[in-house]
């Protein structure tokens, strides 16, 4: 086995740092939060809606993690409006009841403001001090908050990336909650973890980035899913087409006819006023207002207030609506140059409509005559295909297929996992844990089976990437011939007759299980021979006399 420093030289210093970080979390002794108190029960009863089955399930999963001494690193995946924030509030309250402080990291100023307002309302019956930190908070107020945070007087601090600054010091930080993780780079998140690697971390996302999803599927991070939709929620009707003035005109008039409002996403501030004039000429009856991130705080707040107050029918804006905007009366969305956005971003933006009991419409438009790249085509087709409620996880799975898992240990959020390989990552992780524990390398823990069989599921057999990943996971769990028979029956019934490669793949996984369970350390297959090495414990039990008498017989494994 390679020593961890030697292997890491093959890559980069950042790999070694992040690998060491994750391995430290695996062996770290964190804080075991208290069991639910009476206050916790009262807090949860104060929720004004009836919890969905999934909300209750994931809440229990998170609580169990928090009550363990191993630091939690859990991803909570659920569509917009599915109740992730309430689950997070319950986790925060549990931490605060255990006399710990909480940081709530938000991707935008608007979202941090909205979470702050919601938190004040949700925690109002309990003695919890909540503060907000973003670019709109005055310097004097910021200094006051920082001082009180360090002295332990602030229980919950909500903010943007400002709370990742070096001057943020907590007296007894216990929980970090990250909302919409795809908006932050790895360095931002790892910064918190690196100097507080024994705190619990809960990440909320509707569509996690491919690397995060891959790590959750691989078991490096825990994964919780909220798939139960709210009552009276309809799928968003989605159309992908060339930019068309008549379609835009009809869509706006259709929404105005039912007294609704419209978002038009136009991510070019320089020509926004010009676009506004062309829309006013196209639909003279509509009152249109512009909003973008370069406006002054007061000006942008005034725009949003007037639009939410229904003084305007159409908001022509940049991606400021991507997160944190919750206006149930807006049920038509038009995205100009939709091919320029990532899949997760498109899904997030589309989630700004359809938040009421009305059917919502989403129009994804690209420049007339423009030749789209293969990746852009795939993204637009996926967002069009997945209109059903709760599609966020499926879209993330498809994004994993389109973009690849990314550089798991590095900064890039797209790329291909083959660059390092999950098997190698897990091997390095185990070695790093052993090194940090001062434990010598135990060769028998690293069993290597060189079996020349393809472990590939042909896309022609199953087109859906999510299903193929699930098949790989099921096949990897094979421990008996009955399991093989059961999978063959299931797959044949659902997808048709299995080809020889998949059948051999199943047999290989069963063989690997047998080899591991019978004390075989290495198995190497070549053209002329098969070499089997037993581990020390098994070797010591072999009766060589009997073995020599039966050398010509095929001894069962």
Foldseek 3Di string as FASTA:
>chain_A
DDFLVVVCVVDDPLLSVLLLLLLCLVPDFADQFDDDDPVLVVLVVPDPDDADPQLVVVLVVLNVQSRHRRAAFEEEAFAPPLCPLVSVLSVLVSQVVSLAAEEEEEADPLQLVLSQVVSCVSCVVDPAAEEEDEPVDDPVVVVVVQVCQCVSNHRYYGYYLVCLDPSRHHPGHAEYEYEAVVSDWPCSVVSVCVVVVNHHYYYYHNADFLQVVVCCLVVSHPYGYRQDHDPLFFFAQEAEEADDLVVVLVLLVVLVVVPFAEEEADADPVCQVVVVVVVCVSPVVFFEDEAEDVDDPVVRVVVLVCVLVVVGRYYYYHLPLLPNQARARYAEYEYEQLLVDDLRSVSSNNSNYRNHNDHHYYYYHYHPPDDHDPLSVQSSVVVNVPRGHGCSHLSSLVSCVSFANFDNSDGTSGDHCVVQHPVNSVVSSVSSSCVVVVHDDDLQVQAEEADPADLDDDCVQPVRSVVVSVVSVQLLPDADVVSLVVVQVVSCVPRNHDDPRNSVNSVVSNVVNVCNVQQWRYWDDDDPDIDTHGDPVNVVPDDVVVCVVCVVPDDDD
